Amino acid sequence: MSDFLFNTLVFIITYAGEVFGTIFGGGSFFIQPGLIALGIGAKVAVANDIASACFSAYAYLYDQRASIRAQARKYLKIFVVMFPGILLGTFVGARVLKAIPSD
């Protein structure tokens, strides 16, 4: 497979997964298996999915900034409640990435 075709397939899989994930959630169920099917290592597939999810989350926050400012107290309460889960998710995610074999 040529590099151009390979890179195009990686882009399409990641883009489609992120669009689906942004609208409905669960884009990882497309991205990770799709990249692994192309022969990309599991760790790289997970890292790619995490990086692209960070950018789509930032795009959402940027788009909703006026609404977030108007309801800052509500979002602060939500963040305080979610913060332990965010920390736990970060810890568990790092452990999972460490446990995935490189090959």
PDB file of N, CA and C in Angstrom:
ATOM      1  N   MET A   1       0.854  -1.169   0.000  1.00  0.00           N
ATOM      2  CA  MET A   1       0.000   0.000   0.000  1.00  0.00           C
ATOM      3  C   MET A   1       0.901   1.234   0.000  1.00  0.00           C
ATOM      4  N   SER A   2       0.589   2.173  -0.863  1.00  0.00           N
ATOM      5  CA  SER A   2       1.410   3.381  -0.947  1.00  0.00           C
ATOM      6  C   SER A   2       1.214   4.240   0.305  1.00  0.00           C
ATOM      7  N   ASP A   3       2.201   5.076   0.580  1.00  0.00           N
ATOM      8  CA  ASP A   3       2.116   5.966   1.748  1.00  0.00           C
ATOM      9  C   ASP A   3       0.930   6.911   1.648  1.00  0.00           C
ATOM     10  N   PHE A   4       0.671   7.407   0.442  1.00  0.00           N
ATOM     11  CA  PHE A   4      -0.450   8.331   0.271  1.00  0.00           C
ATOM     12  C   PHE A   4      -1.772   7.650   0.611  1.00  0.00           C
ATOM     13  N   LEU A   5      -1.982   6.445   0.088  1.00  0.00           N
ATOM     14  CA  LEU A   5      -3.213   5.711   0.356  1.00  0.00           C
ATOM     15  C   LEU A   5      -3.332   5.382   1.842  1.00  0.00           C
ATOM     16  N   PHE A   6      -2.233   4.934   2.432  1.00  0.00           N
ATOM     17  CA  PHE A   6      -2.218   4.598   3.857  1.00  0.00           C
ATOM     18  C   PHE A   6      -2.571   5.822   4.698  1.00  0.00           C
ATOM     19  N   ASN A   7      -1.918   6.946   4.430  1.00  0.00           N
ATOM     20  CA  ASN A   7      -2.190   8.169   5.196  1.00  0.00           C
ATOM     21  C   ASN A   7      -3.617   8.661   4.981  1.00  0.00           C
ATOM     22  N   THR A   8      -4.129   8.516   3.763  1.00  0.00           N
ATOM     23  CA  THR A   8      -5.511   8.911   3.476  1.00  0.00           C
ATOM     24  C   THR A   8      -6.483   8.044   4.270  1.00  0.00           C
ATOM     25  N   LEU A   9      -6.241   6.748   4.326  1.00  0.00           N
ATOM     26  CA  LEU A   9      -7.103   5.851   5.098  1.00  0.00           C
ATOM     27  C   LEU A   9      -7.054   6.171   6.586  1.00  0.00           C
ATOM     28  N   VAL A  10      -5.866   6.452   7.099  1.00  0.00           N
ATOM     29  CA  VAL A  10      -5.733   6.832   8.522  1.00  0.00           C
ATOM     30  C   VAL A  10      -6.535   8.102   8.784  1.00  0.00           C
ATOM     31  N   PHE A  11      -6.418   9.083   7.899  1.00  0.00           N
ATOM     32  CA  PHE A  11      -7.160  10.335   8.071  1.00  0.00           C
ATOM     33  C   PHE A  11      -8.665  10.087   8.034  1.00  0.00           C
ATOM     34  N   ILE A  12      -9.135   9.331   7.074  1.00  0.00           N
ATOM     35  CA  ILE A  12     -10.571   9.085   6.934  1.00  0.00           C
ATOM     36  C   ILE A  12     -11.122   8.344   8.144  1.00  0.00           C
ATOM     37  N   ILE A  13     -10.419   7.328   8.596  1.00  0.00           N
ATOM     38  CA  ILE A  13     -10.871   6.570   9.767  1.00  0.00           C
ATOM     39  C   ILE A  13     -10.920   7.463  11.000  1.00  0.00           C
ATOM     40  N   THR A  14      -9.867   8.223  11.224  1.00  0.00           N
ATOM     41  CA  THR A  14      -9.823   9.089  12.402  1.00  0.00           C
ATOM     42  C   THR A  14     -10.858  10.194  12.308  1.00  0.00           C
ATOM     43  N   TYR A  15     -10.990  10.801  11.153  1.00  0.00           N
ATOM     44  CA  TYR A  15     -11.956  11.887  10.976  1.00  0.00           C
ATOM     45  C   TYR A  15     -13.384  11.384  11.166  1.00  0.00           C
ATOM     46  N   ALA A  16     -13.716  10.277  10.517  1.00  0.00           N
ATOM     47  CA  ALA A  16     -15.070   9.730  10.635  1.00  0.00           C
ATOM     48  C   ALA A  16     -15.371   9.330  12.073  1.00  0.00           C
ATOM     49  N   GLY A  17     -14.408   8.725  12.737  1.00  0.00           N
ATOM     50  CA  GLY A  17     -14.600   8.338  14.134  1.00  0.00           C
ATOM     51  C   GLY A  17     -14.798   9.530  15.048  1.00  0.00           C
ATOM     52  N   GLU A  18     -14.037  10.595  14.822  1.00  0.00           N
ATOM     53  CA  GLU A  18     -14.176  11.795  15.658  1.00  0.00           C
ATOM     54  C   GLU A  18     -15.481  12.528  15.386  1.00  0.00           C
ATOM     55  N   VAL A  19     -15.894  12.588  14.137  1.00  0.00           N
ATOM     56  CA  VAL A  19     -17.185  13.219  13.835  1.00  0.00           C
ATOM     57  C   VAL A  19     -18.297  12.430  14.520  1.00  0.00           C
ATOM     58  N   PHE A  20     -18.283  11.114  14.366  1.00  0.00           N
ATOM     59  CA  PHE A  20     -19.284  10.278  15.012  1.00  0.00           C
ATOM     60  C   PHE A  20     -19.217  10.430  16.529  1.00  0.00           C
ATOM     61  N   GLY A  21     -18.003  10.410  17.082  1.00  0.00           N
ATOM     62  CA  GLY A  21     -17.832  10.539  18.523  1.00  0.00           C
ATOM     63  C   GLY A  21     -18.268  11.883  19.062  1.00  0.00           C
ATOM     64  N   THR A  22     -18.054  12.939  18.308  1.00  0.00           N
ATOM     65  CA  THR A  22     -18.467  14.271  18.737  1.00  0.00           C
ATOM     66  C   THR A  22     -19.986  14.394  18.755  1.00  0.00           C
ATOM     67  N   ILE A  23     -20.633  13.791  17.799  1.00  0.00           N
ATOM     68  CA  ILE A  23     -22.095  13.892  17.712  1.00  0.00           C
ATOM     69  C   ILE A  23     -22.785  12.901  18.640  1.00  0.00           C
ATOM     70  N   PHE A  24     -22.368  11.650  18.601  1.00  0.00           N
ATOM     71  CA  PHE A  24     -23.077  10.599  19.324  1.00  0.00           C
ATOM     72  C   PHE A  24     -22.284  10.002  20.484  1.00  0.00           C
ATOM     73  N   GLY A  25     -20.976  10.167  20.485  1.00  0.00           N
ATOM     74  CA  GLY A  25     -20.125   9.494  21.466  1.00  0.00           C
ATOM     75  C   GLY A  25     -19.685   8.139  20.921  1.00  0.00           C
ATOM     76  N   GLY A  26     -18.596   7.626  21.445  1.00  0.00           N
ATOM     77  CA  GLY A  26     -18.145   6.291  21.052  1.00  0.00           C
ATOM     78  C   GLY A  26     -17.344   6.217  19.776  1.00  0.00           C
ATOM     79  N   GLY A  27     -16.721   7.303  19.355  1.00  0.00           N
ATOM     80  CA  GLY A  27     -15.909   7.275  18.139  1.00  0.00           C
ATOM     81  C   GLY A  27     -14.717   6.348  18.228  1.00  0.00           C
ATOM     82  N   SER A  28     -14.289   6.047  19.444  1.00  0.00           N
ATOM     83  CA  SER A  28     -13.150   5.133  19.628  1.00  0.00           C
ATOM     84  C   SER A  28     -13.441   3.745  19.090  1.00  0.00           C
ATOM     85  N   PHE A  29     -14.717   3.364  19.063  1.00  0.00           N
ATOM     86  CA  PHE A  29     -15.080   2.046  18.554  1.00  0.00           C
ATOM     87  C   PHE A  29     -14.856   1.938  17.050  1.00  0.00           C
ATOM     88  N   PHE A  30     -14.676   3.071  16.373  1.00  0.00           N
ATOM     89  CA  PHE A  30     -14.327   3.076  14.957  1.00  0.00           C
ATOM     90  C   PHE A  30     -12.826   3.278  14.776  1.00  0.00           C
ATOM     91  N   ILE A  31     -12.281   4.218  15.521  1.00  0.00           N
ATOM     92  CA  ILE A  31     -10.896   4.631  15.302  1.00  0.00           C
ATOM     93  C   ILE A  31      -9.905   3.524  15.641  1.00  0.00           C
ATOM     94  N   GLN A  32      -9.973   3.026  16.847  1.00  0.00           N
ATOM     95  CA  GLN A  32      -8.956   2.063  17.273  1.00  0.00           C
ATOM     96  C   GLN A  32      -8.965   0.777  16.450  1.00  0.00           C
ATOM     97  N   PRO A  33     -10.115   0.118  16.251  1.00  0.00           N
ATOM     98  CA  PRO A  33     -10.087  -1.091  15.404  1.00  0.00           C
ATOM     99  C   PRO A  33      -9.685  -0.797  13.957  1.00  0.00           C
ATOM    100  N   GLY A  34     -10.109   0.366  13.443  1.00  0.00           N
ATOM    101  CA  GLY A  34      -9.750   0.718  12.069  1.00  0.00           C
ATOM    102  C   GLY A  34      -8.249   0.900  11.896  1.00  0.00           C
ATOM    103  N   LEU A  35      -7.632   1.593  12.845  1.00  0.00           N
ATOM    104  CA  LEU A  35      -6.178   1.801  12.750  1.00  0.00           C
ATOM    105  C   LEU A  35      -5.422   0.502  12.967  1.00  0.00           C
ATOM    106  N   ILE A  36      -5.886  -0.315  13.892  1.00  0.00           N
ATOM    107  CA  ILE A  36      -5.227  -1.605  14.131  1.00  0.00           C
ATOM    108  C   ILE A  36      -5.364  -2.501  12.900  1.00  0.00           C
ATOM    109  N   ALA A  37      -6.525  -2.448  12.232  1.00  0.00           N
ATOM    110  CA  ALA A  37      -6.723  -3.239  11.010  1.00  0.00           C
ATOM    111  C   ALA A  37      -5.765  -2.810   9.904  1.00  0.00           C
ATOM    112  N   LEU A  38      -5.348  -1.545   9.919  1.00  0.00           N
ATOM    113  CA  LEU A  38      -4.375  -1.073   8.929  1.00  0.00           C
ATOM    114  C   LEU A  38      -2.945  -1.472   9.275  1.00  0.00           C
ATOM    115  N   GLY A  39      -2.770  -2.073  10.447  1.00  0.00           N
ATOM    116  CA  GLY A  39      -1.440  -2.521  10.851  1.00  0.00           C
ATOM    117  C   GLY A  39      -0.728  -1.575  11.797  1.00  0.00           C
ATOM    118  N   ILE A  40      -1.424  -0.563  12.271  1.00  0.00           N
ATOM    119  CA  ILE A  40      -0.844   0.362  13.240  1.00  0.00           C
ATOM    120  C   ILE A  40      -0.878  -0.305  14.613  1.00  0.00           C
ATOM    121  N   GLY A  41       0.196  -0.181  15.369  1.00  0.00           N
ATOM    122  CA  GLY A  41       0.265  -0.786  16.696  1.00  0.00           C
ATOM    123  C   GLY A  41      -0.819  -0.269  17.631  1.00  0.00           C
ATOM    124  N   ALA A  42      -1.202  -1.103  18.581  1.00  0.00           N
ATOM    125  CA  ALA A  42      -2.293  -0.759  19.497  1.00  0.00           C
ATOM    126  C   ALA A  42      -1.999   0.512  20.293  1.00  0.00           C
ATOM    127  N   LYS A  43      -0.770   0.657  20.766  1.00  0.00           N
ATOM    128  CA  LYS A  43      -0.430   1.851  21.548  1.00  0.00           C
ATOM    129  C   LYS A  43      -0.543   3.119  20.710  1.00  0.00           C
ATOM    130  N   VAL A  44      -0.105   3.047  19.483  1.00  0.00           N
ATOM    131  CA  VAL A  44      -0.180   4.218  18.600  1.00  0.00           C
ATOM    132  C   VAL A  44      -1.634   4.518  18.254  1.00  0.00           C
ATOM    133  N   ALA A  45      -2.448   3.479  18.050  1.00  0.00           N
ATOM    134  CA  ALA A  45      -3.870   3.676  17.744  1.00  0.00           C
ATOM    135  C   ALA A  45      -4.580   4.348  18.910  1.00  0.00           C
ATOM    136  N   VAL A  46      -4.287   3.903  20.127  1.00  0.00           N
ATOM    137  CA  VAL A  46      -4.906   4.509  21.311  1.00  0.00           C
ATOM    138  C   VAL A  46      -4.422   5.941  21.480  1.00  0.00           C
ATOM    139  N   ALA A  47      -3.124   6.171  21.310  1.00  0.00           N
ATOM    140  CA  ALA A  47      -2.574   7.522  21.452  1.00  0.00           C
ATOM    141  C   ALA A  47      -3.161   8.459  20.404  1.00  0.00           C
ATOM    142  N   ASN A  48      -3.320   7.992  19.170  1.00  0.00           N
ATOM    143  CA  ASN A  48      -3.928   8.803  18.117  1.00  0.00           C
ATOM    144  C   ASN A  48      -5.355   9.154  18.477  1.00  0.00           C
ATOM    145  N   ASP A  49      -6.089   8.184  18.996  1.00  0.00           N
ATOM    146  CA  ASP A  49      -7.481   8.416  19.379  1.00  0.00           C
ATOM    147  C   ASP A  49      -7.566   9.433  20.507  1.00  0.00           C
ATOM    148  N   ILE A  50      -6.694   9.335  21.494  1.00  0.00           N
ATOM    149  CA  ILE A  50      -6.690  10.271  22.616  1.00  0.00           C
ATOM    150  C   ILE A  50      -6.361  11.683  22.122  1.00  0.00           C
ATOM    151  N   ALA A  51      -5.350  11.798  21.281  1.00  0.00           N
ATOM    152  CA  ALA A  51      -4.954  13.116  20.780  1.00  0.00           C
ATOM    153  C   ALA A  51      -6.075  13.754  19.969  1.00  0.00           C
ATOM    154  N   SER A  52      -6.708  12.990  19.098  1.00  0.00           N
ATOM    155  CA  SER A  52      -7.782  13.569  18.293  1.00  0.00           C
ATOM    156  C   SER A  52      -8.997  13.898  19.154  1.00  0.00           C
ATOM    157  N   ALA A  53      -9.259  13.116  20.187  1.00  0.00           N
ATOM    158  CA  ALA A  53     -10.376  13.421  21.091  1.00  0.00           C
ATOM    159  C   ALA A  53     -10.120  14.720  21.842  1.00  0.00           C
ATOM    160  N   CYS A  54      -8.867  14.966  22.210  1.00  0.00           N
ATOM    161  CA  CYS A  54      -8.533  16.225  22.894  1.00  0.00           C
ATOM    162  C   CYS A  54      -8.843  17.417  22.002  1.00  0.00           C
ATOM    163  N   PHE A  55      -8.514  17.323  20.722  1.00  0.00           N
ATOM    164  CA  PHE A  55      -8.783  18.428  19.808  1.00  0.00           C
ATOM    165  C   PHE A  55     -10.274  18.625  19.580  1.00  0.00           C
ATOM    166  N   SER A  56     -11.039  17.537  19.474  1.00  0.00           N
ATOM    167  CA  SER A  56     -12.481  17.720  19.272  1.00  0.00           C
ATOM    168  C   SER A  56     -13.141  18.246  20.539  1.00  0.00           C
ATOM    169  N   ALA A  57     -12.642  17.867  21.722  1.00  0.00           N
ATOM    170  CA  ALA A  57     -13.172  18.424  22.972  1.00  0.00           C
ATOM    171  C   ALA A  57     -12.869  19.918  23.052  1.00  0.00           C
ATOM    172  N   TYR A  58     -11.671  20.310  22.646  1.00  0.00           N
ATOM    173  CA  TYR A  58     -11.321  21.732  22.637  1.00  0.00           C
ATOM    174  C   TYR A  58     -12.219  22.502  21.671  1.00  0.00           C
ATOM    175  N   ALA A  59     -12.478  21.926  20.512  1.00  0.00           N
ATOM    176  CA  ALA A  59     -13.345  22.596  19.524  1.00  0.00           C
ATOM    177  C   ALA A  59     -14.752  22.780  20.099  1.00  0.00           C
ATOM    178  N   TYR A  60     -15.252  21.783  20.806  1.00  0.00           N
ATOM    179  CA  TYR A  60     -16.573  21.902  21.417  1.00  0.00           C
ATOM    180  C   TYR A  60     -16.574  23.016  22.465  1.00  0.00           C
ATOM    181  N   LEU A  61     -15.572  23.017  23.338  1.00  0.00           N
ATOM    182  CA  LEU A  61     -15.501  24.054  24.375  1.00  0.00           C
ATOM    183  C   LEU A  61     -15.382  25.442  23.758  1.00  0.00           C
ATOM    184  N   TYR A  62     -14.605  25.558  22.702  1.00  0.00           N
ATOM    185  CA  TYR A  62     -14.460  26.850  22.032  1.00  0.00           C
ATOM    186  C   TYR A  62     -15.795  27.311  21.459  1.00  0.00           C
ATOM    187  N   ASP A  63     -16.516  26.379  20.864  1.00  0.00           N
ATOM    188  CA  ASP A  63     -17.807  26.715  20.273  1.00  0.00           C
ATOM    189  C   ASP A  63     -18.837  27.103  21.340  1.00  0.00           C
ATOM    190  N   GLN A  64     -18.766  26.501  22.491  1.00  0.00           N
ATOM    191  CA  GLN A  64     -19.757  26.722  23.544  1.00  0.00           C
ATOM    192  C   GLN A  64     -19.311  27.741  24.594  1.00  0.00           C
ATOM    193  N   ARG A  65     -18.237  28.488  24.332  1.00  0.00           N
ATOM    194  CA  ARG A  65     -17.657  29.372  25.346  1.00  0.00           C
ATOM    195  C   ARG A  65     -18.647  30.398  25.892  1.00  0.00           C
ATOM    196  N   ALA A  66     -19.506  30.965  25.060  1.00  0.00           N
ATOM    197  CA  ALA A  66     -20.475  31.960  25.534  1.00  0.00           C
ATOM    198  C   ALA A  66     -21.482  31.310  26.480  1.00  0.00           C
ATOM    199  N   SER A  67     -21.958  30.149  26.121  1.00  0.00           N
ATOM    200  CA  SER A  67     -22.905  29.427  26.971  1.00  0.00           C
ATOM    201  C   SER A  67     -22.252  29.021  28.290  1.00  0.00           C
ATOM    202  N   ILE A  68     -21.006  28.607  28.216  1.00  0.00           N
ATOM    203  CA  ILE A  68     -20.289  28.195  29.431  1.00  0.00           C
ATOM    204  C   ILE A  68     -20.099  29.388  30.355  1.00  0.00           C
ATOM    205  N   ARG A  69     -19.741  30.543  29.802  1.00  0.00           N
ATOM    206  CA  ARG A  69     -19.586  31.750  30.630  1.00  0.00           C
ATOM    207  C   ARG A  69     -20.903  32.131  31.301  1.00  0.00           C
ATOM    208  N   ALA A  70     -21.989  32.028  30.563  1.00  0.00           N
ATOM    209  CA  ALA A  70     -23.296  32.415  31.101  1.00  0.00           C
ATOM    210  C   ALA A  70     -23.738  31.479  32.223  1.00  0.00           C
ATOM    211  N   GLN A  71     -23.299  30.244  32.177  1.00  0.00           N
ATOM    212  CA  GLN A  71     -23.699  29.268  33.183  1.00  0.00           C
ATOM    213  C   GLN A  71     -22.489  28.760  33.961  1.00  0.00           C
ATOM    214  N   ALA A  72     -21.568  29.654  34.280  1.00  0.00           N
ATOM    215  CA  ALA A  72     -20.297  29.268  34.902  1.00  0.00           C
ATOM    216  C   ALA A  72     -20.491  28.520  36.216  1.00  0.00           C
ATOM    217  N   ARG A  73     -21.422  28.942  37.053  1.00  0.00           N
ATOM    218  CA  ARG A  73     -21.640  28.278  38.341  1.00  0.00           C
ATOM    219  C   ARG A  73     -22.072  26.822  38.148  1.00  0.00           C
ATOM    220  N   LYS A  74     -22.941  26.589  37.171  1.00  0.00           N
ATOM    221  CA  LYS A  74     -23.395  25.228  36.890  1.00  0.00           C
ATOM    222  C   LYS A  74     -22.228  24.348  36.459  1.00  0.00           C
ATOM    223  N   TYR A  75     -21.410  24.857  35.559  1.00  0.00           N
ATOM    224  CA  TYR A  75     -20.286  24.077  35.062  1.00  0.00           C
ATOM    225  C   TYR A  75     -19.221  23.880  36.134  1.00  0.00           C
ATOM    226  N   LEU A  76     -19.066  24.836  37.044  1.00  0.00           N
ATOM    227  CA  LEU A  76     -18.124  24.669  38.151  1.00  0.00           C
ATOM    228  C   LEU A  76     -18.582  23.536  39.060  1.00  0.00           C
ATOM    229  N   LYS A  77     -19.873  23.485  39.355  1.00  0.00           N
ATOM    230  CA  LYS A  77     -20.399  22.387  40.174  1.00  0.00           C
ATOM    231  C   LYS A  77     -20.196  21.044  39.475  1.00  0.00           C
ATOM    232  N   ILE A  78     -20.469  21.003  38.186  1.00  0.00           N
ATOM    233  CA  ILE A  78     -20.276  19.759  37.437  1.00  0.00           C
ATOM    234  C   ILE A  78     -18.811  19.339  37.480  1.00  0.00           C
ATOM    235  N   PHE A  79     -17.899  20.306  37.300  1.00  0.00           N
ATOM    236  CA  PHE A  79     -16.473  19.989  37.308  1.00  0.00           C
ATOM    237  C   PHE A  79     -16.043  19.441  38.659  1.00  0.00           C
ATOM    238  N   VAL A  80     -16.529  20.052  39.755  1.00  0.00           N
ATOM    239  CA  VAL A  80     -16.152  19.599  41.103  1.00  0.00           C
ATOM    240  C   VAL A  80     -16.612  18.156  41.307  1.00  0.00           C
ATOM    241  N   VAL A  81     -17.805  17.831  40.842  1.00  0.00           N
ATOM    242  CA  VAL A  81     -18.317  16.471  40.988  1.00  0.00           C
ATOM    243  C   VAL A  81     -17.542  15.499  40.094  1.00  0.00           C
ATOM    244  N   MET A  82     -17.171  15.940  38.897  1.00  0.00           N
ATOM    245  CA  MET A  82     -16.489  15.068  37.942  1.00  0.00           C
ATOM    246  C   MET A  82     -14.992  14.936  38.182  1.00  0.00           C
ATOM    247  N   PHE A  83     -14.390  15.851  38.939  1.00  0.00           N
ATOM    248  CA  PHE A  83     -12.932  15.875  39.081  1.00  0.00           C
ATOM    249  C   PHE A  83     -12.348  14.553  39.569  1.00  0.00           C
ATOM    250  N   PRO A  84     -12.924  13.897  40.605  1.00  0.00           N
ATOM    251  CA  PRO A  84     -12.356  12.593  41.002  1.00  0.00           C
ATOM    252  C   PRO A  84     -12.374  11.572  39.860  1.00  0.00           C
ATOM    253  N   GLY A  85     -13.442  11.575  39.063  1.00  0.00           N
ATOM    254  CA  GLY A  85     -13.511  10.668  37.921  1.00  0.00           C
ATOM    255  C   GLY A  85     -12.490  10.993  36.857  1.00  0.00           C
ATOM    256  N   ILE A  86     -12.234  12.290  36.676  1.00  0.00           N
ATOM    257  CA  ILE A  86     -11.215  12.712  35.707  1.00  0.00           C
ATOM    258  C   ILE A  86      -9.842  12.199  36.139  1.00  0.00           C
ATOM    259  N   LEU A  87      -9.531  12.346  37.412  1.00  0.00           N
ATOM    260  CA  LEU A  87      -8.244  11.853  37.922  1.00  0.00           C
ATOM    261  C   LEU A  87      -8.155  10.334  37.801  1.00  0.00           C
ATOM    262  N   LEU A  88      -9.221   9.652  38.197  1.00  0.00           N
ATOM    263  CA  LEU A  88      -9.225   8.196  38.115  1.00  0.00           C
ATOM    264  C   LEU A  88      -9.102   7.742  36.667  1.00  0.00           C
ATOM    265  N   GLY A  89      -9.829   8.390  35.758  1.00  0.00           N
ATOM    266  CA  GLY A  89      -9.745   8.037  34.345  1.00  0.00           C
ATOM    267  C   GLY A  89      -8.346   8.242  33.778  1.00  0.00           C
ATOM    268  N   THR A  90      -7.697   9.307  34.196  1.00  0.00           N
ATOM    269  CA  THR A  90      -6.327   9.565  33.747  1.00  0.00           C
ATOM    270  C   THR A  90      -5.386   8.474  34.245  1.00  0.00           C
ATOM    271  N   PHE A  91      -5.525   8.113  35.500  1.00  0.00           N
ATOM    272  CA  PHE A  91      -4.669   7.074  36.089  1.00  0.00           C
ATOM    273  C   PHE A  91      -4.909   5.728  35.409  1.00  0.00           C
ATOM    274  N   VAL A  92      -6.183   5.351  35.280  1.00  0.00           N
ATOM    275  CA  VAL A  92      -6.508   4.061  34.659  1.00  0.00           C
ATOM    276  C   VAL A  92      -6.070   4.050  33.196  1.00  0.00           C
ATOM    277  N   GLY A  93      -6.288   5.150  32.475  1.00  0.00           N
ATOM    278  CA  GLY A  93      -5.865   5.225  31.083  1.00  0.00           C
ATOM    279  C   GLY A  93      -4.363   5.046  30.930  1.00  0.00           C
ATOM    280  N   ALA A  94      -3.593   5.670  31.810  1.00  0.00           N
ATOM    281  CA  ALA A  94      -2.135   5.508  31.762  1.00  0.00           C
ATOM    282  C   ALA A  94      -1.737   4.070  32.047  1.00  0.00           C
ATOM    283  N   ARG A  95      -2.411   3.434  32.983  1.00  0.00           N
ATOM    284  CA  ARG A  95      -2.111   2.028  33.311  1.00  0.00           C
ATOM    285  C   ARG A  95      -2.462   1.104  32.129  1.00  0.00           C
ATOM    286  N   VAL A  96      -3.576   1.389  31.466  1.00  0.00           N
ATOM    287  CA  VAL A  96      -3.973   0.584  30.318  1.00  0.00           C
ATOM    288  C   VAL A  96      -2.955   0.725  29.189  1.00  0.00           C
ATOM    289  N   LEU A  97      -2.544   1.964  28.905  1.00  0.00           N
ATOM    290  CA  LEU A  97      -1.527   2.162  27.863  1.00  0.00           C
ATOM    291  C   LEU A  97      -0.236   1.455  28.204  1.00  0.00           C
ATOM    292  N   LYS A  98       0.126   1.434  29.480  1.00  0.00           N
ATOM    293  CA  LYS A  98       1.349   0.749  29.896  1.00  0.00           C
ATOM    294  C   LYS A  98       1.204  -0.761  29.724  1.00  0.00           C
ATOM    295  N   ALA A  99       0.009  -1.289  29.927  1.00  0.00           N
ATOM    296  CA  ALA A  99      -0.210  -2.735  29.864  1.00  0.00           C
ATOM    297  C   ALA A  99      -0.312  -3.272  28.434  1.00  0.00           C
ATOM    298  N   ILE A 100      -0.652  -2.402  27.471  1.00  0.00           N
ATOM    299  CA  ILE A 100      -0.781  -2.864  26.084  1.00  0.00           C
ATOM    300  C   ILE A 100       0.607  -3.194  25.542  1.00  0.00           C
ATOM    301  N   PRO A 101       0.790  -4.391  25.026  1.00  0.00           N
ATOM    302  CA  PRO A 101       2.109  -4.733  24.476  1.00  0.00           C
ATOM    303  C   PRO A 101       2.458  -3.867  23.265  1.00  0.00           C
ATOM    304  N   SER A 102       3.715  -3.601  23.093  1.00  0.00           N
ATOM    305  CA  SER A 102       4.164  -2.737  21.985  1.00  0.00           C
ATOM    306  C   SER A 102       3.926  -3.362  20.629  1.00  0.00           C
ATOM    307  N   ASP A 103       3.944  -4.668  20.556  1.00  0.00           N
ATOM    308  CA  ASP A 103       3.745  -5.320  19.262  1.00  0.00           C
ATOM    309  C   ASP A 103       2.293  -5.618  19.092  1.00  0.00           C
TER     310      ASP A 103
END
